[in-house]
Amino acid sequence: MKTYIVIGGSKGIGNAIIKTLVPNHKIINLSRNEPDFQHENLTHHTCDVLQGSFPEIKQADGLVYCPGSINLKPFSSLSEEDFKTDFEINVLGAVKAIQAYLPILKQGNKPSIVLFSTVAASLGMPFHASIATAKSGVEGLVKSLGAEWAPNIRINAIAPTITDTSLASKLLRNEKMIENITERHPLKKFLNPEEVADMAAFLLSDKTASISGQSFEMDCGIVSFKI
């Protein structure tokens, strides 16, 4: 049984990751709100990691950083503050968390880190300038740290398309929008959180011992195919 730190596990993809991992692993969740369930293998710490508020943790074999943002605006409407906020949530938050727990991760059992990017880092999409810029930073961080830490710590990213979470609720708020998004994807679907959680669990596991520094597109075909 391994011990994983999950940051942002109170809802969305982070919550699905906790539920996927907790039957077989010890999970330490850090978020501003408690998860919507309890389990003997789950420990929760209420904190705001963007403020650098990190509880002391003595042992961990992996870390997942889940906080993200979907800030979609025309470029002319994006402020400097928009770019700074998206960068802080998606990149600096991950950096702070990794730096806080790097000493214990180095002592972990085949440690692995999972971060989150977006398909918009690979596919040019209107109104995504701020978030695509931030998530491209995540992908660069993953490559750099993967090289720096090999062979001791693995780090990878998942780049999902639209996922049915509260974060994406504005994009899925009615049947017409759901239909349009479904049709845009060649596989005629979008993601549910459990699919992404399964990928995160896979990347954390020893089954991916040969994989590091990669960003995996869970794109339902929207980046990979043109049909």
C-alpha atoms as a PDB file:
ATOM      1  CA  MET A   1       0.000   0.000   0.000  1.00  0.00           C
ATOM      2  CA  LYS A   2       1.463   3.328  -1.100  1.00  0.00           C
ATOM      3  CA  THR A   3       0.757   6.810   0.265  1.00  0.00           C
ATOM      4  CA  TYR A   4      -0.295   9.533  -2.159  1.00  0.00           C
ATOM      5  CA  ILE A   5      -0.773  13.247  -1.625  1.00  0.00           C
ATOM      6  CA  VAL A   6      -3.705  14.591  -3.640  1.00  0.00           C
ATOM      7  CA  ILE A   7      -4.063  18.352  -3.832  1.00  0.00           C
ATOM      8  CA  GLY A   8      -7.553  19.537  -4.725  1.00  0.00           C
ATOM      9  CA  GLY A   9      -9.462  16.337  -4.058  1.00  0.00           C
ATOM     10  CA  SER A  10     -12.666  17.851  -2.721  1.00  0.00           C
ATOM     11  CA  LYS A  11     -14.422  17.887  -6.118  1.00  0.00           C
ATOM     12  CA  GLY A  12     -14.128  17.161  -9.820  1.00  0.00           C
ATOM     13  CA  ILE A  13     -11.247  15.116 -11.179  1.00  0.00           C
ATOM     14  CA  GLY A  14      -9.383  15.299  -7.867  1.00  0.00           C
ATOM     15  CA  ASN A  15     -12.326  13.783  -6.032  1.00  0.00           C
ATOM     16  CA  ALA A  16     -12.571  10.993  -8.602  1.00  0.00           C
ATOM     17  CA  ILE A  17      -8.843  10.294  -8.187  1.00  0.00           C
ATOM     18  CA  ILE A  18      -9.232   9.930  -4.417  1.00  0.00           C
ATOM     19  CA  LYS A  19     -12.161   7.550  -4.834  1.00  0.00           C
ATOM     20  CA  THR A  20     -10.191   5.477  -7.339  1.00  0.00           C
ATOM     21  CA  LEU A  21      -7.062   5.242  -5.201  1.00  0.00           C
ATOM     22  CA  VAL A  22      -8.363   5.072  -1.643  1.00  0.00           C
ATOM     23  CA  PRO A  23      -9.464   1.403  -1.530  1.00  0.00           C
ATOM     24  CA  ASN A  24      -5.869   0.255  -2.032  1.00  0.00           C
ATOM     25  CA  HIS A  25      -3.708   3.183  -0.903  1.00  0.00           C
ATOM     26  CA  LYS A  26      -3.392   5.746   1.852  1.00  0.00           C
ATOM     27  CA  ILE A  27      -4.513   9.149   0.577  1.00  0.00           C
ATOM     28  CA  ILE A  28      -3.684  12.528   2.093  1.00  0.00           C
ATOM     29  CA  ASN A  29      -5.965  15.183   0.616  1.00  0.00           C
ATOM     30  CA  LEU A  30      -5.130  18.886   0.766  1.00  0.00           C
ATOM     31  CA  SER A  31      -7.889  21.307  -0.210  1.00  0.00           C
ATOM     32  CA  ARG A  32      -9.942  24.186   1.093  1.00  0.00           C
ATOM     33  CA  ASN A  33     -12.996  21.936   1.490  1.00  0.00           C
ATOM     34  CA  GLU A  34     -13.368  18.367   2.695  1.00  0.00           C
ATOM     35  CA  PRO A  35     -14.150  15.582   0.214  1.00  0.00           C
ATOM     36  CA  ASP A  36     -17.775  14.425   0.104  1.00  0.00           C
ATOM     37  CA  PHE A  37     -17.010  11.047   1.668  1.00  0.00           C
ATOM     38  CA  GLN A  38     -14.919   9.418   4.371  1.00  0.00           C
ATOM     39  CA  HIS A  39     -12.705   6.342   4.291  1.00  0.00           C
ATOM     40  CA  GLU A  40     -10.310   4.723   6.735  1.00  0.00           C
ATOM     41  CA  ASN A  41      -7.450   5.278   4.256  1.00  0.00           C
ATOM     42  CA  LEU A  42      -8.274   8.960   3.704  1.00  0.00           C
ATOM     43  CA  THR A  43      -6.798  11.859   5.691  1.00  0.00           C
ATOM     44  CA  HIS A  44      -7.854  15.430   4.965  1.00  0.00           C
ATOM     45  CA  HIS A  45      -6.066  18.717   5.683  1.00  0.00           C
ATOM     46  CA  THR A  46      -7.922  21.972   5.137  1.00  0.00           C
ATOM     47  CA  CYS A  47      -5.547  24.467   3.550  1.00  0.00           C
ATOM     48  CA  ASP A  48      -4.998  26.837   0.633  1.00  0.00           C
ATOM     49  CA  VAL A  49      -1.876  25.694  -1.170  1.00  0.00           C
ATOM     50  CA  LEU A  50      -1.779  28.860  -3.291  1.00  0.00           C
ATOM     51  CA  GLN A  51      -0.956  30.692  -0.079  1.00  0.00           C
ATOM     52  CA  GLY A  52       1.879  28.288   0.633  1.00  0.00           C
ATOM     53  CA  SER A  53      -0.001  26.669   3.506  1.00  0.00           C
ATOM     54  CA  PHE A  54       1.316  23.114   3.588  1.00  0.00           C
ATOM     55  CA  PRO A  55       0.832  20.722   6.502  1.00  0.00           C
ATOM     56  CA  GLU A  56       3.722  18.563   7.600  1.00  0.00           C
ATOM     57  CA  ILE A  57       3.616  15.129   6.008  1.00  0.00           C
ATOM     58  CA  LYS A  58       6.214  12.564   6.974  1.00  0.00           C
ATOM     59  CA  GLN A  59       5.962  10.050   4.137  1.00  0.00           C
ATOM     60  CA  ALA A  60       4.609   9.901   0.569  1.00  0.00           C
ATOM     61  CA  ASP A  61       5.180   7.864  -2.569  1.00  0.00           C
ATOM     62  CA  GLY A  62       3.470  10.198  -5.003  1.00  0.00           C
ATOM     63  CA  LEU A  63       1.730  13.514  -5.523  1.00  0.00           C
ATOM     64  CA  VAL A  64      -1.148  14.639  -7.743  1.00  0.00           C
ATOM     65  CA  TYR A  65      -1.810  18.353  -8.251  1.00  0.00           C
ATOM     66  CA  CYS A  66      -5.388  18.860  -9.473  1.00  0.00           C
ATOM     67  CA  PRO A  67      -6.317  22.578  -9.142  1.00  0.00           C
ATOM     68  CA  GLY A  68      -6.971  24.259 -12.461  1.00  0.00           C
ATOM     69  CA  SER A  69      -8.963  26.956 -14.195  1.00  0.00           C
ATOM     70  CA  ILE A  70     -11.061  27.461 -17.324  1.00  0.00           C
ATOM     71  CA  ASN A  71     -10.818  31.151 -18.117  1.00  0.00           C
ATOM     72  CA  LEU A  72     -12.147  31.559 -21.656  1.00  0.00           C
ATOM     73  CA  LYS A  73     -12.154  35.103 -23.048  1.00  0.00           C
ATOM     74  CA  PRO A  74     -11.227  36.879 -26.271  1.00  0.00           C
ATOM     75  CA  PHE A  75      -7.593  37.957 -26.092  1.00  0.00           C
ATOM     76  CA  SER A  76      -8.633  41.634 -26.117  1.00  0.00           C
ATOM     77  CA  SER A  77     -10.680  41.017 -22.968  1.00  0.00           C
ATOM     78  CA  LEU A  78      -7.909  39.241 -21.051  1.00  0.00           C
ATOM     79  CA  SER A  79      -6.119  41.362 -18.494  1.00  0.00           C
ATOM     80  CA  GLU A  80      -2.594  40.949 -17.226  1.00  0.00           C
ATOM     81  CA  GLU A  81      -4.184  39.806 -13.993  1.00  0.00           C
ATOM     82  CA  ASP A  82      -6.025  37.014 -15.842  1.00  0.00           C
ATOM     83  CA  PHE A  83      -2.720  35.643 -17.099  1.00  0.00           C
ATOM     84  CA  LYS A  84      -1.129  35.973 -13.667  1.00  0.00           C
ATOM     85  CA  THR A  85      -4.044  34.225 -11.933  1.00  0.00           C
ATOM     86  CA  ASP A  86      -4.111  31.300 -14.362  1.00  0.00           C
ATOM     87  CA  PHE A  87      -0.341  30.930 -14.092  1.00  0.00           C
ATOM     88  CA  GLU A  88      -0.488  30.980 -10.304  1.00  0.00           C
ATOM     89  CA  ILE A  89      -3.244  28.346 -10.086  1.00  0.00           C
ATOM     90  CA  ASN A  90      -1.892  25.977 -12.708  1.00  0.00           C
ATOM     91  CA  VAL A  91       1.891  26.388 -12.555  1.00  0.00           C
ATOM     92  CA  LEU A  92       3.035  28.123  -9.392  1.00  0.00           C
ATOM     93  CA  GLY A  93       0.638  26.125  -7.224  1.00  0.00           C
ATOM     94  CA  ALA A  94       2.130  22.926  -8.585  1.00  0.00           C
ATOM     95  CA  VAL A  95       5.660  24.259  -8.108  1.00  0.00           C
ATOM     96  CA  LYS A  96       4.960  25.197  -4.482  1.00  0.00           C
ATOM     97  CA  ALA A  97       3.428  21.803  -3.727  1.00  0.00           C
ATOM     98  CA  ILE A  98       6.272  19.882  -5.328  1.00  0.00           C
ATOM     99  CA  GLN A  99       8.904  21.956  -3.553  1.00  0.00           C
ATOM    100  CA  ALA A 100       7.118  21.512  -0.223  1.00  0.00           C
ATOM    101  CA  TYR A 101       7.065  17.714  -0.469  1.00  0.00           C
ATOM    102  CA  LEU A 102      10.100  16.963  -2.618  1.00  0.00           C
ATOM    103  CA  PRO A 103      12.234  15.899   0.396  1.00  0.00           C
ATOM    104  CA  ILE A 104       9.761  13.170   1.403  1.00  0.00           C
ATOM    105  CA  LEU A 105       9.065  12.149  -2.203  1.00  0.00           C
ATOM    106  CA  LYS A 106      12.779  11.521  -2.670  1.00  0.00           C
ATOM    107  CA  GLN A 107      12.520   8.978   0.146  1.00  0.00           C
ATOM    108  CA  GLY A 108       9.363   7.365  -1.279  1.00  0.00           C
ATOM    109  CA  ASN A 109       8.840   3.963  -2.862  1.00  0.00           C
ATOM    110  CA  LYS A 110       9.315   4.523  -6.633  1.00  0.00           C
ATOM    111  CA  PRO A 111       7.759   7.991  -6.388  1.00  0.00           C
ATOM    112  CA  SER A 112       5.626   9.487  -9.132  1.00  0.00           C
ATOM    113  CA  ILE A 113       4.035  12.908  -9.690  1.00  0.00           C
ATOM    114  CA  VAL A 114       1.020  13.690 -11.892  1.00  0.00           C
ATOM    115  CA  LEU A 115       0.096  17.209 -13.041  1.00  0.00           C
ATOM    116  CA  PHE A 116      -2.638  18.453 -15.362  1.00  0.00           C
ATOM    117  CA  SER A 117      -2.430  20.197 -18.704  1.00  0.00           C
ATOM    118  CA  THR A 118      -5.143  20.633 -21.380  1.00  0.00           C
ATOM    119  CA  VAL A 119      -5.712  19.715 -25.009  1.00  0.00           C
ATOM    120  CA  ALA A 120      -5.608  23.470 -25.685  1.00  0.00           C
ATOM    121  CA  ALA A 121      -1.840  23.359 -25.149  1.00  0.00           C
ATOM    122  CA  SER A 122      -1.577  21.284 -28.341  1.00  0.00           C
ATOM    123  CA  LEU A 123      -4.619  22.372 -30.358  1.00  0.00           C
ATOM    124  CA  GLY A 124      -5.063  26.054 -31.107  1.00  0.00           C
ATOM    125  CA  MET A 125      -8.499  27.005 -29.803  1.00  0.00           C
ATOM    126  CA  PRO A 126     -10.097  30.470 -29.751  1.00  0.00           C
ATOM    127  CA  PHE A 127     -10.445  32.224 -26.381  1.00  0.00           C
ATOM    128  CA  HIS A 128      -7.928  29.888 -24.682  1.00  0.00           C
ATOM    129  CA  ALA A 129      -4.881  32.193 -24.715  1.00  0.00           C
ATOM    130  CA  SER A 130      -4.484  32.499 -20.953  1.00  0.00           C
ATOM    131  CA  ILE A 131      -5.143  28.911 -19.944  1.00  0.00           C
ATOM    132  CA  ALA A 132      -3.187  27.478 -22.898  1.00  0.00           C
ATOM    133  CA  THR A 133      -0.212  29.633 -21.908  1.00  0.00           C
ATOM    134  CA  ALA A 134      -0.359  28.417 -18.309  1.00  0.00           C
ATOM    135  CA  LYS A 135      -0.837  24.756 -19.183  1.00  0.00           C
ATOM    136  CA  SER A 136       2.009  24.908 -21.702  1.00  0.00           C
ATOM    137  CA  GLY A 137       4.084  25.952 -18.711  1.00  0.00           C
ATOM    138  CA  VAL A 138       2.943  22.812 -16.906  1.00  0.00           C
ATOM    139  CA  GLU A 139       4.079  20.657 -19.822  1.00  0.00           C
ATOM    140  CA  GLY A 140       7.458  22.388 -19.893  1.00  0.00           C
ATOM    141  CA  LEU A 141       7.822  21.854 -16.147  1.00  0.00           C
ATOM    142  CA  VAL A 142       7.070  18.155 -16.555  1.00  0.00           C
ATOM    143  CA  LYS A 143       9.735  17.692 -19.231  1.00  0.00           C
ATOM    144  CA  SER A 144      12.365  19.610 -17.317  1.00  0.00           C
ATOM    145  CA  LEU A 145      11.773  17.940 -13.961  1.00  0.00           C
ATOM    146  CA  GLY A 146      11.484  14.518 -15.567  1.00  0.00           C
ATOM    147  CA  ALA A 147      14.993  14.965 -16.957  1.00  0.00           C
ATOM    148  CA  GLU A 148      16.371  16.455 -13.754  1.00  0.00           C
ATOM    149  CA  TRP A 149      15.050  13.708 -11.487  1.00  0.00           C
ATOM    150  CA  ALA A 150      15.606  10.626 -13.637  1.00  0.00           C
ATOM    151  CA  PRO A 151      15.810   7.847 -12.626  1.00  0.00           C
ATOM    152  CA  ASN A 152      14.594   8.541  -9.107  1.00  0.00           C
ATOM    153  CA  ILE A 153      11.279  10.408  -9.458  1.00  0.00           C
ATOM    154  CA  ARG A 154       8.881  10.139 -12.373  1.00  0.00           C
ATOM    155  CA  ILE A 155       6.613  13.032 -13.396  1.00  0.00           C
ATOM    156  CA  ASN A 156       3.942  13.142 -16.091  1.00  0.00           C
ATOM    157  CA  ALA A 157       0.926  15.212 -17.055  1.00  0.00           C
ATOM    158  CA  ILE A 158      -2.562  14.442 -18.276  1.00  0.00           C
ATOM    159  CA  ALA A 159      -4.047  16.803 -20.879  1.00  0.00           C
ATOM    160  CA  PRO A 160      -7.815  16.228 -20.880  1.00  0.00           C
ATOM    161  CA  THR A 161     -10.452  17.627 -23.176  1.00  0.00           C
ATOM    162  CA  ILE A 162     -13.740  18.853 -21.680  1.00  0.00           C
ATOM    163  CA  THR A 163     -14.548  16.807 -18.585  1.00  0.00           C
ATOM    164  CA  ASP A 164     -17.943  16.666 -16.898  1.00  0.00           C
ATOM    165  CA  THR A 165     -17.086  18.507 -13.685  1.00  0.00           C
ATOM    166  CA  SER A 166     -18.307  21.627 -11.904  1.00  0.00           C
ATOM    167  CA  LEU A 167     -15.315  23.503 -13.361  1.00  0.00           C
ATOM    168  CA  ALA A 168     -16.684  22.900 -16.873  1.00  0.00           C
ATOM    169  CA  SER A 169     -20.347  23.341 -15.954  1.00  0.00           C
ATOM    170  CA  LYS A 170     -20.683  26.606 -17.905  1.00  0.00           C
ATOM    171  CA  LEU A 171     -19.634  24.773 -21.063  1.00  0.00           C
ATOM    172  CA  LEU A 172     -22.137  21.966 -20.453  1.00  0.00           C
ATOM    173  CA  ARG A 173     -25.040  23.962 -19.097  1.00  0.00           C
ATOM    174  CA  ASN A 174     -27.722  22.879 -21.565  1.00  0.00           C
ATOM    175  CA  GLU A 175     -28.534  20.065 -23.972  1.00  0.00           C
ATOM    176  CA  LYS A 176     -27.558  22.075 -27.063  1.00  0.00           C
ATOM    177  CA  MET A 177     -24.099  22.826 -25.698  1.00  0.00           C
ATOM    178  CA  ILE A 178     -23.634  19.187 -24.686  1.00  0.00           C
ATOM    179  CA  GLU A 179     -24.660  18.082 -28.179  1.00  0.00           C
ATOM    180  CA  ASN A 180     -22.279  20.558 -29.851  1.00  0.00           C
ATOM    181  CA  ILE A 181     -19.316  19.524 -27.697  1.00  0.00           C
ATOM    182  CA  THR A 182     -20.078  15.850 -28.240  1.00  0.00           C
ATOM    183  CA  GLU A 183     -20.193  16.318 -32.018  1.00  0.00           C
ATOM    184  CA  ARG A 184     -16.907  18.260 -32.063  1.00  0.00           C
ATOM    185  CA  HIS A 185     -15.046  15.218 -30.780  1.00  0.00           C
ATOM    186  CA  PRO A 186     -14.394  12.434 -33.325  1.00  0.00           C
ATOM    187  CA  LEU A 187     -15.183   9.794 -30.700  1.00  0.00           C
ATOM    188  CA  LYS A 188     -18.552  11.534 -30.170  1.00  0.00           C
ATOM    189  CA  LYS A 189     -18.097  11.902 -26.455  1.00  0.00           C
ATOM    190  CA  PHE A 190     -16.318  13.965 -23.849  1.00  0.00           C
ATOM    191  CA  LEU A 191     -14.681  12.826 -20.637  1.00  0.00           C
ATOM    192  CA  ASN A 192     -16.057  11.862 -17.268  1.00  0.00           C
ATOM    193  CA  PRO A 193     -13.877  12.325 -14.163  1.00  0.00           C
ATOM    194  CA  GLU A 194     -13.546   8.596 -13.546  1.00  0.00           C
ATOM    195  CA  GLU A 195     -11.784   8.079 -16.892  1.00  0.00           C
ATOM    196  CA  VAL A 196      -9.222  10.723 -16.022  1.00  0.00           C
ATOM    197  CA  ALA A 197      -8.825   9.274 -12.522  1.00  0.00           C
ATOM    198  CA  ASP A 198      -8.016   5.872 -14.010  1.00  0.00           C
ATOM    199  CA  MET A 199      -5.266   7.453 -16.121  1.00  0.00           C
ATOM    200  CA  ALA A 200      -3.849   9.253 -13.075  1.00  0.00           C
ATOM    201  CA  ALA A 201      -3.821   6.006 -11.097  1.00  0.00           C
ATOM    202  CA  PHE A 202      -2.056   4.280 -13.985  1.00  0.00           C
ATOM    203  CA  LEU A 203       0.651   6.961 -14.190  1.00  0.00           C
ATOM    204  CA  LEU A 204       1.216   6.802 -10.446  1.00  0.00           C
ATOM    205  CA  SER A 205       1.592   3.036 -10.496  1.00  0.00           C
ATOM    206  CA  ASP A 206       4.669   0.930 -11.064  1.00  0.00           C
ATOM    207  CA  LYS A 207       3.063  -0.234 -14.327  1.00  0.00           C
ATOM    208  CA  THR A 208       4.379   2.999 -15.861  1.00  0.00           C
ATOM    209  CA  ALA A 209       7.907   2.669 -14.488  1.00  0.00           C
ATOM    210  CA  SER A 210       9.305   3.401 -17.974  1.00  0.00           C
ATOM    211  CA  ILE A 211       7.299   6.598 -18.535  1.00  0.00           C
ATOM    212  CA  SER A 212       8.368  10.065 -17.392  1.00  0.00           C
ATOM    213  CA  GLY A 213       8.370  13.609 -18.758  1.00  0.00           C
ATOM    214  CA  GLN A 214       5.300  12.970 -20.916  1.00  0.00           C
ATOM    215  CA  SER A 215       1.980  14.755 -21.389  1.00  0.00           C
ATOM    216  CA  PHE A 216      -0.848  12.407 -22.305  1.00  0.00           C
ATOM    217  CA  GLU A 217      -3.749  13.789 -24.310  1.00  0.00           C
ATOM    218  CA  MET A 218      -7.108  12.372 -23.303  1.00  0.00           C
ATOM    219  CA  ASP A 219      -8.723  14.118 -26.232  1.00  0.00           C
ATOM    220  CA  CYS A 220     -11.601  11.937 -27.477  1.00  0.00           C
ATOM    221  CA  GLY A 221      -9.873  12.379 -30.828  1.00  0.00           C
ATOM    222  CA  ILE A 222     -10.146  16.162 -31.081  1.00  0.00           C
ATOM    223  CA  VAL A 223      -6.365  16.688 -31.292  1.00  0.00           C
ATOM    224  CA  SER A 224      -5.429  13.404 -32.913  1.00  0.00           C
ATOM    225  CA  PHE A 225      -8.018  13.131 -35.702  1.00  0.00           C
ATOM    226  CA  LYS A 226      -9.519  15.218 -38.464  1.00  0.00           C
ATOM    227  CA  ILE A 227     -12.568  13.460 -39.867  1.00  0.00           C
END
